Amino acid sequence: MSGSPEAEKVVAIDGPSGSGKSTIARGVAEALGFEMLDTGAMYRAVAYGVLLSGVDPEDAAAVTTVAENAAIAVQHGVTTLAGADISVEIRGPAVTQLVSQIAAIPEVRQALVARQRAWVDQHGGGVVEGRDIGSVVFPDARVKVYLTASEEERARRRQQDEAAASRAISVEDVQSAMAQRDAADSSRAVSPLQTADGATIVDTTGRTPQSIVTEIVDRYRAAEGAS
């Protein structure tokens, strides 16, 4: 359990890749005047740290040491490792291929969940997005949302992200890679990707980000008023 009063002041946003988590989380945070935490970037930073250090990804103890000791910061859309901006590097194919394996290690998740809870305590709440936020990290969050979208829409969005980063890949290849990651993240033994108890499922297919942001902000303010 999250165990702190600040946890109640959390908007937990979960969902698979391409569902719109980052865009929606940024909008909700801005509307509520909250800080936002992208927990997926933290796992990607660990994966990048593993690649940099030459640690064997199969060595769970060594990977956990990286997760425990790495100086990772995620703030205002920028991810740093030991003070260096790695925001672009962590979105590359090598990290994307590795991150689900890293995220499946229980001790890595334990280390990063502790960091995520400390972040919320430090900020007095916030909008936190990821894959186990409402189910594991902040089960007492004031509002829990699970975003989804059609496979085609999710692949199209992610392919656009790749194109914007000058990485050429077809929608079909993106969709295949996303299906593999979804299967890995949904079937892992610890903190699998799933809809948290009490979460509102929001299908973002064909909807504007602003309409979804407004829906979530309204839910938060209604819950805040009822508390």
Protein backbone atom coordinates (compact mmCIF):
# COMPACT_ATOMS: atom_id res chain seq x y z
CA MET A 1 0.00 0.00 0.00
CA SER A 2 1.11 3.54 -0.64
CA GLY A 3 0.56 4.52 2.98
CA SER A 4 0.84 8.32 2.90
CA PRO A 5 -1.83 11.04 2.87
CA GLU A 6 -0.24 12.49 -0.26
CA ALA A 7 -1.18 9.30 -2.11
CA GLU A 8 -4.82 10.33 -2.01
CA LYS A 9 -3.90 13.45 -4.01
CA VAL A 10 -2.82 11.34 -6.97
CA VAL A 11 -4.33 10.90 -10.40
CA ALA A 12 -3.17 7.43 -11.47
CA ILE A 13 -3.14 6.91 -15.23
CA ASP A 14 -2.36 3.44 -16.58
CA GLY A 15 -2.54 1.83 -19.98
CA PRO A 16 -0.52 0.25 -22.79
CA SER A 17 1.80 2.03 -25.23
CA GLY A 18 0.06 4.37 -27.63
CA SER A 19 -3.04 4.78 -25.49
CA GLY A 20 -2.23 8.44 -24.89
CA LYS A 21 -0.95 8.27 -21.31
CA SER A 22 1.77 10.91 -21.57
CA THR A 23 -0.31 13.43 -23.51
CA ILE A 24 -3.30 13.04 -21.21
CA ALA A 25 -1.19 13.05 -18.04
CA ARG A 26 0.51 16.30 -19.08
CA GLY A 27 -2.85 17.91 -19.78
CA VAL A 28 -4.38 16.80 -16.48
CA ALA A 29 -1.33 17.96 -14.54
CA GLU A 30 -1.44 21.38 -16.17
CA ALA A 31 -5.17 21.74 -15.54
CA LEU A 32 -4.87 20.79 -11.87
CA GLY A 33 -1.60 22.62 -11.24
CA PHE A 34 0.14 19.34 -10.37
CA GLU A 35 3.52 17.90 -11.24
CA MET A 36 3.58 14.85 -13.50
CA LEU A 37 5.69 11.69 -13.27
CA ASP A 38 6.26 9.34 -16.22
CA THR A 39 7.21 6.10 -14.48
CA GLY A 40 7.88 4.33 -17.77
CA ALA A 41 10.78 6.72 -18.31
CA MET A 42 12.26 5.50 -15.03
CA TYR A 43 12.24 1.88 -16.21
CA ARG A 44 13.68 2.96 -19.55
CA ALA A 45 16.43 4.86 -17.73
CA VAL A 46 17.37 1.70 -15.85
CA ALA A 47 17.42 -0.26 -19.11
CA TYR A 48 19.65 2.41 -20.64
CA GLY A 49 21.90 2.29 -17.59
CA VAL A 50 22.19 -1.48 -17.99
CA LEU A 51 23.20 -1.06 -21.64
CA LEU A 52 25.73 1.64 -20.77
CA SER A 53 27.32 -0.34 -17.96
CA GLY A 54 27.58 -3.57 -19.90
CA VAL A 55 25.66 -5.44 -17.21
CA ASP A 56 24.16 -8.74 -18.35
CA PRO A 57 20.38 -8.15 -18.56
CA GLU A 58 19.91 -11.77 -17.49
CA ASP A 59 21.71 -11.07 -14.20
CA ALA A 60 18.80 -9.89 -12.05
CA ALA A 61 21.00 -9.00 -9.08
CA ALA A 62 23.30 -6.82 -11.19
CA VAL A 63 20.36 -5.12 -12.91
CA THR A 64 18.78 -4.47 -9.52
CA THR A 65 22.01 -2.83 -8.35
CA VAL A 66 21.77 -0.48 -11.34
CA ALA A 67 18.15 0.34 -10.44
CA GLU A 68 18.99 0.97 -6.80
CA ASN A 69 22.06 3.13 -7.40
CA ALA A 70 21.34 5.00 -10.63
CA ALA A 71 20.84 8.76 -10.24
CA ILE A 72 17.61 9.01 -12.23
CA ALA A 73 15.43 12.11 -12.41
CA VAL A 74 12.24 12.56 -14.43
CA GLN A 75 10.86 16.08 -14.48
CA HIS A 76 9.04 18.30 -16.99
CA GLY A 77 9.42 15.76 -19.77
CA VAL A 78 13.17 15.42 -19.31
CA THR A 79 14.84 12.22 -18.08
CA THR A 80 18.36 12.38 -16.75
CA LEU A 81 20.84 9.74 -15.65
CA ALA A 82 23.73 10.97 -13.52
CA GLY A 83 22.82 14.49 -14.61
CA ALA A 84 22.93 13.74 -18.35
CA ASP A 85 19.79 14.24 -20.46
CA ILE A 86 18.89 10.82 -21.90
CA SER A 87 15.34 11.68 -22.99
CA VAL A 88 16.04 10.78 -26.63
CA GLU A 89 18.22 7.75 -25.97
CA ILE A 90 15.68 5.97 -23.78
CA ARG A 91 13.13 5.99 -26.62
CA GLY A 92 15.47 4.21 -29.02
CA PRO A 93 14.95 0.62 -30.23
CA ALA A 94 17.63 -0.94 -28.01
CA VAL A 95 15.99 0.33 -24.83
CA THR A 96 12.48 -0.42 -26.11
CA GLN A 97 13.50 -4.01 -26.81
CA LEU A 98 14.98 -4.44 -23.32
CA VAL A 99 12.66 -2.51 -21.03
CA SER A 100 9.97 -5.17 -20.54
CA GLN A 101 12.61 -7.68 -19.47
CA ILE A 102 14.05 -5.19 -16.99
CA ALA A 103 10.62 -4.22 -15.69
CA ALA A 104 9.74 -7.85 -14.99
CA ILE A 105 12.44 -8.17 -12.30
CA PRO A 106 10.64 -7.93 -8.92
CA GLU A 107 13.52 -6.24 -7.13
CA VAL A 108 13.78 -3.59 -9.85
CA ARG A 109 10.09 -2.84 -9.50
CA GLN A 110 10.46 -2.66 -5.72
CA ALA A 111 13.29 -0.13 -6.03
CA LEU A 112 11.45 2.08 -8.51
CA VAL A 113 8.10 1.92 -6.71
CA ALA A 114 9.87 3.25 -3.62
CA ARG A 115 11.23 6.13 -5.70
CA GLN A 116 7.79 6.82 -7.18
CA ARG A 117 6.16 6.98 -3.75
CA ALA A 118 8.94 9.23 -2.47
CA TRP A 119 8.34 11.53 -5.45
CA VAL A 120 4.66 11.88 -4.58
CA ASP A 121 5.48 12.52 -0.92
CA GLN A 122 7.93 15.21 -1.99
CA HIS A 123 5.44 16.89 -4.33
CA GLY A 124 2.36 16.48 -2.15
CA GLY A 125 0.54 14.47 -4.82
CA GLY A 126 0.67 14.57 -8.59
CA VAL A 127 -0.35 12.94 -11.84
CA VAL A 128 1.48 9.63 -12.18
CA GLU A 129 1.34 7.57 -15.35
CA GLY A 130 2.55 4.05 -16.04
CA ARG A 131 1.34 0.46 -16.07
CA ASP A 132 0.80 -0.43 -12.40
CA ILE A 133 0.09 2.93 -10.79
CA GLY A 134 -3.51 2.40 -9.73
CA SER A 135 -3.10 -1.32 -9.05
CA VAL A 136 0.17 -1.35 -7.08
CA VAL A 137 1.95 1.96 -6.60
CA PHE A 138 -1.01 4.11 -5.53
CA PRO A 139 -4.07 1.89 -4.97
CA ASP A 140 -5.55 4.68 -2.81
CA ALA A 141 -5.25 7.32 -5.53
CA ARG A 142 -8.15 9.75 -5.59
CA VAL A 143 -8.76 9.03 -9.28
CA LYS A 144 -7.64 5.96 -11.20
CA VAL A 145 -7.91 5.82 -14.98
CA TYR A 146 -7.05 3.07 -17.44
CA LEU A 147 -6.56 4.40 -20.97
CA THR A 148 -6.97 2.18 -23.98
CA ALA A 149 -7.36 2.51 -27.75
CA SER A 150 -7.71 0.27 -30.77
CA GLU A 151 -4.57 -1.59 -31.79
CA GLU A 152 -4.54 0.27 -35.11
CA GLU A 153 -4.80 3.67 -33.43
CA ARG A 154 -2.11 2.87 -30.90
CA ALA A 155 0.27 1.66 -33.63
CA ARG A 156 -0.41 4.74 -35.74
CA ARG A 157 0.38 7.07 -32.84
CA ARG A 158 3.56 5.26 -31.94
CA GLN A 159 4.71 5.16 -35.57
CA GLN A 160 4.24 8.95 -35.70
CA ASP A 161 6.40 9.26 -32.58
CA GLU A 162 9.10 7.17 -34.23
CA ALA A 163 8.92 9.24 -37.42
CA ALA A 164 9.22 12.44 -35.38
CA ALA A 165 12.42 11.01 -33.88
CA SER A 166 13.74 10.23 -37.38
CA ARG A 167 13.39 6.48 -36.90
CA ALA A 168 11.82 4.85 -39.95
CA ILE A 169 9.49 1.95 -39.12
CA SER A 170 6.23 0.76 -40.60
CA VAL A 171 2.92 0.80 -38.75
CA GLU A 172 2.77 -2.98 -39.13
CA ASP A 173 6.17 -3.44 -37.47
CA VAL A 174 5.18 -1.05 -34.68
CA GLN A 175 1.95 -2.97 -34.10
CA SER A 176 3.83 -6.29 -33.94
CA ALA A 177 6.38 -4.91 -31.45
CA MET A 178 3.64 -3.39 -29.31
CA ALA A 179 1.72 -6.68 -29.22
CA GLN A 180 4.84 -8.47 -27.97
CA ARG A 181 5.44 -5.88 -25.26
CA ASP A 182 1.79 -5.88 -24.19
CA ALA A 183 1.90 -9.67 -23.86
CA ALA A 184 5.09 -9.49 -21.79
CA ASP A 185 3.83 -6.73 -19.51
CA SER A 186 0.38 -8.28 -19.03
CA SER A 187 1.74 -11.75 -18.17
CA ARG A 188 4.63 -10.88 -15.87
CA ALA A 189 4.37 -12.35 -12.38
CA VAL A 190 4.80 -9.05 -10.51
CA SER A 191 2.67 -5.93 -11.10
CA PRO A 192 1.28 -6.91 -14.50
CA LEU A 193 -0.41 -4.41 -16.77
CA GLN A 194 -4.07 -4.56 -15.78
CA THR A 195 -7.08 -2.43 -14.97
CA ALA A 196 -6.92 -1.45 -11.31
CA ASP A 197 -9.88 -1.97 -9.01
CA GLY A 198 -12.05 1.13 -9.15
CA ALA A 199 -10.39 2.51 -12.28
CA THR A 200 -12.39 4.18 -15.02
CA ILE A 201 -11.67 2.72 -18.44
CA VAL A 202 -11.39 5.41 -21.11
CA ASP A 203 -11.12 4.51 -24.80
CA THR A 204 -9.14 7.30 -26.45
CA THR A 205 -9.75 6.14 -30.04
CA GLY A 206 -11.10 9.02 -32.09
CA ARG A 207 -11.29 11.39 -29.14
CA THR A 208 -9.47 14.67 -28.68
CA PRO A 209 -6.96 14.81 -25.84
CA GLN A 210 -8.72 17.85 -24.40
CA SER A 211 -12.03 16.02 -24.04
CA ILE A 212 -10.32 13.24 -22.09
CA VAL A 213 -8.38 15.70 -19.94
CA THR A 214 -11.60 17.50 -19.09
CA GLU A 215 -13.30 14.22 -18.15
CA ILE A 216 -10.48 13.22 -15.80
CA VAL A 217 -10.15 16.67 -14.24
CA ASP A 218 -13.91 16.73 -13.60
CA ARG A 219 -13.66 13.33 -11.92
CA TYR A 220 -10.84 14.50 -9.70
CA ARG A 221 -12.61 17.66 -8.62
CA ALA A 222 -15.79 15.73 -7.92
CA ALA A 223 -13.88 13.19 -5.82
CA GLU A 224 -12.01 15.97 -4.04
CA GLY A 225 -15.26 17.68 -3.17
CA ALA A 226 -16.73 14.45 -1.85
CA SER A 227 -13.76 13.65 0.38
